[in-house]
Amino acid sequence: MTHIRGKERRHLHLRKRVFGTKERPRLSIHRSIKNLDAQLVDDFKGHTLFSLSTLSPTLNGKAASWGNVKAATIFGDVFAEEATKKGFSKIVFDRGGCLYHGRIKAFADACRKKGLKF
C-alpha cells in the first residue's frame, strides 16, 4: 500500500471540491523555494486559459528575489491585472495542497485587492 504524504493528501482532498469552468476558472498556484507559478484552468475541457510565472519576462526586475512574501504580493498584483485584462473576474482558488499561509496568502490577498473574486 502506498503512503501519500501530507501535501499530496491535502491537494487530493482539496481537488475533490474545487472545479474550474470557463466562466469561473480554477486558479492553481505552485510554490517552489525560489519561484511561484499560477494558472487559470478550465477543468471541464482540461485547458489552461492563462498562466504566469515569476520567471516570465514581464516580471523581470520587479523583485530581487521571488522567494518571499513581498515578492508574492507583487506577483499577485501583476497576475490579477493581467487576468482581468483577459476578461477573468471570478475564480476558484486552488492552493495546491500548500497551507494558506505566507506566500500563498500574500498572493491571494493581492489578487483580491486587484479585483479578482473568490
C-alpha atoms as a PDB file:
ATOM      1  CA  MET A   1       0.000   0.000   0.000  1.00  0.00           C
ATOM      2  CA  THR A   2       1.353   3.400  -0.977  1.00  0.00           C
ATOM      3  CA  HIS A   3       1.756   6.106   1.621  1.00  0.00           C
ATOM      4  CA  ILE A   4       0.642   9.557   0.480  1.00  0.00           C
ATOM      5  CA  ARG A   5       2.497  12.402   2.153  1.00  0.00           C
ATOM      6  CA  GLY A   6       0.871  15.460   3.718  1.00  0.00           C
ATOM      7  CA  LYS A   7       0.944  17.956   0.854  1.00  0.00           C
ATOM      8  CA  GLU A   8      -0.204  15.360  -1.692  1.00  0.00           C
ATOM      9  CA  ARG A   9      -3.021  14.222   0.597  1.00  0.00           C
ATOM     10  CA  ARG A  10      -4.186  17.802   1.192  1.00  0.00           C
ATOM     11  CA  HIS A  11      -4.109  18.516  -2.542  1.00  0.00           C
ATOM     12  CA  LEU A  12      -6.150  15.418  -3.402  1.00  0.00           C
ATOM     13  CA  HIS A  13      -8.688  16.304  -0.706  1.00  0.00           C
ATOM     14  CA  LEU A  14      -8.896  19.876  -1.991  1.00  0.00           C
ATOM     15  CA  ARG A  15      -9.289  18.866  -5.641  1.00  0.00           C
ATOM     16  CA  LYS A  16     -12.396  16.816  -4.801  1.00  0.00           C
ATOM     17  CA  ARG A  17     -14.201  20.074  -4.004  1.00  0.00           C
ATOM     18  CA  VAL A  18     -12.545  22.625  -6.320  1.00  0.00           C
ATOM     19  CA  PHE A  19     -13.518  22.535 -10.002  1.00  0.00           C
ATOM     20  CA  GLY A  20     -12.976  25.246 -12.594  1.00  0.00           C
ATOM     21  CA  THR A  21     -15.182  26.155 -15.542  1.00  0.00           C
ATOM     22  CA  LYS A  22     -14.748  28.600 -18.408  1.00  0.00           C
ATOM     23  CA  GLU A  23     -16.852  31.218 -16.617  1.00  0.00           C
ATOM     24  CA  ARG A  24     -15.180  30.623 -13.237  1.00  0.00           C
ATOM     25  CA  PRO A  25     -11.753  29.019 -13.798  1.00  0.00           C
ATOM     26  CA  ARG A  26      -9.599  27.425 -11.124  1.00  0.00           C
ATOM     27  CA  LEU A  27      -6.597  29.488 -10.062  1.00  0.00           C
ATOM     28  CA  SER A  28      -3.936  26.876  -9.438  1.00  0.00           C
ATOM     29  CA  ILE A  29      -0.764  28.038  -7.723  1.00  0.00           C
ATOM     30  CA  HIS A  30       2.525  26.176  -7.427  1.00  0.00           C
ATOM     31  CA  ARG A  31       5.123  27.255  -4.890  1.00  0.00           C
ATOM     32  CA  SER A  32       8.776  26.301  -5.054  1.00  0.00           C
ATOM     33  CA  ILE A  33      11.589  27.569  -2.877  1.00  0.00           C
ATOM     34  CA  LYS A  34      12.540  30.372  -5.262  1.00  0.00           C
ATOM     35  CA  ASN A  35       9.517  30.939  -7.525  1.00  0.00           C
ATOM     36  CA  LEU A  36       5.731  30.935  -7.892  1.00  0.00           C
ATOM     37  CA  ASP A  37       3.653  29.763 -10.848  1.00  0.00           C
ATOM     38  CA  ALA A  38      -0.059  30.465 -11.261  1.00  0.00           C
ATOM     39  CA  GLN A  39      -2.522  29.440 -13.936  1.00  0.00           C
ATOM     40  CA  LEU A  40      -6.231  29.663 -14.660  1.00  0.00           C
ATOM     41  CA  VAL A  41      -7.612  26.266 -15.669  1.00  0.00           C
ATOM     42  CA  ASP A  42     -10.891  25.150 -17.238  1.00  0.00           C
ATOM     43  CA  ASP A  43     -11.242  21.664 -15.725  1.00  0.00           C
ATOM     44  CA  PHE A  44     -14.281  20.843 -17.836  1.00  0.00           C
ATOM     45  CA  LYS A  45     -12.187  20.895 -21.037  1.00  0.00           C
ATOM     46  CA  GLY A  46      -8.798  20.396 -19.413  1.00  0.00           C
ATOM     47  CA  HIS A  47      -7.326  23.612 -20.841  1.00  0.00           C
ATOM     48  CA  THR A  48      -5.116  26.249 -19.307  1.00  0.00           C
ATOM     49  CA  LEU A  49      -6.730  29.604 -20.073  1.00  0.00           C
ATOM     50  CA  PHE A  50      -3.983  31.881 -18.724  1.00  0.00           C
ATOM     51  CA  SER A  51      -0.702  31.351 -16.910  1.00  0.00           C
ATOM     52  CA  LEU A  52       2.062  33.463 -15.450  1.00  0.00           C
ATOM     53  CA  SER A  53       5.270  32.669 -13.616  1.00  0.00           C
ATOM     54  CA  THR A  54       7.775  34.696 -11.650  1.00  0.00           C
ATOM     55  CA  LEU A  55      10.260  33.621 -14.328  1.00  0.00           C
ATOM     56  CA  SER A  56       8.255  35.450 -17.035  1.00  0.00           C
ATOM     57  CA  PRO A  57       9.962  38.333 -18.855  1.00  0.00           C
ATOM     58  CA  THR A  58       7.131  40.704 -17.837  1.00  0.00           C
ATOM     59  CA  LEU A  59       8.208  40.383 -14.197  1.00  0.00           C
ATOM     60  CA  ASN A  60      11.926  40.726 -14.856  1.00  0.00           C
ATOM     61  CA  GLY A  61      13.475  43.178 -12.396  1.00  0.00           C
ATOM     62  CA  LYS A  62      10.356  43.817 -10.267  1.00  0.00           C
ATOM     63  CA  ALA A  63      11.767  41.932  -7.271  1.00  0.00           C
ATOM     64  CA  ALA A  64      15.271  40.996  -6.185  1.00  0.00           C
ATOM     65  CA  SER A  65      14.160  37.559  -5.014  1.00  0.00           C
ATOM     66  CA  TRP A  66      10.854  35.761  -5.648  1.00  0.00           C
ATOM     67  CA  GLY A  67      11.045  33.533  -2.573  1.00  0.00           C
ATOM     68  CA  ASN A  68       9.481  35.903  -0.015  1.00  0.00           C
ATOM     69  CA  VAL A  69       6.098  37.364   0.963  1.00  0.00           C
ATOM     70  CA  LYS A  70       6.774  40.814  -0.507  1.00  0.00           C
ATOM     71  CA  ALA A  71       7.554  39.303  -3.907  1.00  0.00           C
ATOM     72  CA  ALA A  72       4.431  37.108  -3.725  1.00  0.00           C
ATOM     73  CA  THR A  73       2.372  40.276  -3.221  1.00  0.00           C
ATOM     74  CA  ILE A  74       3.952  41.857  -6.308  1.00  0.00           C
ATOM     75  CA  PHE A  75       3.298  38.681  -8.288  1.00  0.00           C
ATOM     76  CA  GLY A  76      -0.342  38.632  -7.129  1.00  0.00           C
ATOM     77  CA  ASP A  77      -0.839  42.242  -8.236  1.00  0.00           C
ATOM     78  CA  VAL A  78       0.593  41.600 -11.691  1.00  0.00           C
ATOM     79  CA  PHE A  79      -1.275  38.294 -12.101  1.00  0.00           C
ATOM     80  CA  ALA A  80      -4.620  39.868 -11.176  1.00  0.00           C
ATOM     81  CA  GLU A  81      -4.095  42.809 -13.545  1.00  0.00           C
ATOM     82  CA  GLU A  82      -3.232  40.519 -16.455  1.00  0.00           C
ATOM     83  CA  ALA A  83      -6.139  38.159 -15.683  1.00  0.00           C
ATOM     84  CA  THR A  84      -8.669  40.997 -15.587  1.00  0.00           C
ATOM     85  CA  LYS A  85      -7.306  42.288 -18.913  1.00  0.00           C
ATOM     86  CA  LYS A  86      -8.051  38.828 -20.348  1.00  0.00           C
ATOM     87  CA  GLY A  87     -11.618  39.065 -19.008  1.00  0.00           C
ATOM     88  CA  PHE A  88     -11.473  36.918 -15.862  1.00  0.00           C
ATOM     89  CA  SER A  89     -13.072  38.331 -12.733  1.00  0.00           C
ATOM     90  CA  LYS A  90     -14.488  35.346 -10.795  1.00  0.00           C
ATOM     91  CA  ILE A  91     -12.253  32.402  -9.989  1.00  0.00           C
ATOM     92  CA  VAL A  92     -11.951  29.377  -7.700  1.00  0.00           C
ATOM     93  CA  PHE A  93      -8.737  29.292  -5.661  1.00  0.00           C
ATOM     94  CA  ASP A  94      -6.669  26.096  -5.556  1.00  0.00           C
ATOM     95  CA  ARG A  95      -3.761  26.440  -3.141  1.00  0.00           C
ATOM     96  CA  GLY A  96      -2.178  23.231  -4.441  1.00  0.00           C
ATOM     97  CA  GLY A  97      -2.004  21.444  -1.108  1.00  0.00           C
ATOM     98  CA  CYS A  98       0.077  24.207   0.465  1.00  0.00           C
ATOM     99  CA  LEU A  99      -1.093  25.713   3.712  1.00  0.00           C
ATOM    100  CA  TYR A 100      -2.915  29.034   3.354  1.00  0.00           C
ATOM    101  CA  HIS A 101      -0.069  30.943   4.942  1.00  0.00           C
ATOM    102  CA  GLY A 102       2.907  33.082   3.952  1.00  0.00           C
ATOM    103  CA  ARG A 103       3.440  33.486   0.211  1.00  0.00           C
ATOM    104  CA  ILE A 104       0.203  31.710  -0.728  1.00  0.00           C
ATOM    105  CA  LYS A 105      -1.855  34.026   1.494  1.00  0.00           C
ATOM    106  CA  ALA A 106       0.035  37.131   0.293  1.00  0.00           C
ATOM    107  CA  PHE A 107      -0.586  36.144  -3.341  1.00  0.00           C
ATOM    108  CA  ALA A 108      -4.310  35.525  -2.725  1.00  0.00           C
ATOM    109  CA  ASP A 109      -4.772  38.788  -0.804  1.00  0.00           C
ATOM    110  CA  ALA A 110      -3.044  40.773  -3.560  1.00  0.00           C
ATOM    111  CA  CYS A 111      -5.287  39.163  -6.187  1.00  0.00           C
ATOM    112  CA  ARG A 112      -8.379  40.051  -4.151  1.00  0.00           C
ATOM    113  CA  LYS A 113      -7.243  43.674  -3.771  1.00  0.00           C
ATOM    114  CA  LYS A 114      -6.812  43.974  -7.536  1.00  0.00           C
ATOM    115  CA  GLY A 115     -10.381  42.792  -8.196  1.00  0.00           C
ATOM    116  CA  LEU A 116     -10.422  39.016  -8.576  1.00  0.00           C
ATOM    117  CA  LYS A 117     -13.400  37.497  -6.754  1.00  0.00           C
ATOM    118  CA  PHE A 118     -13.004  34.148  -4.944  1.00  0.00           C
END
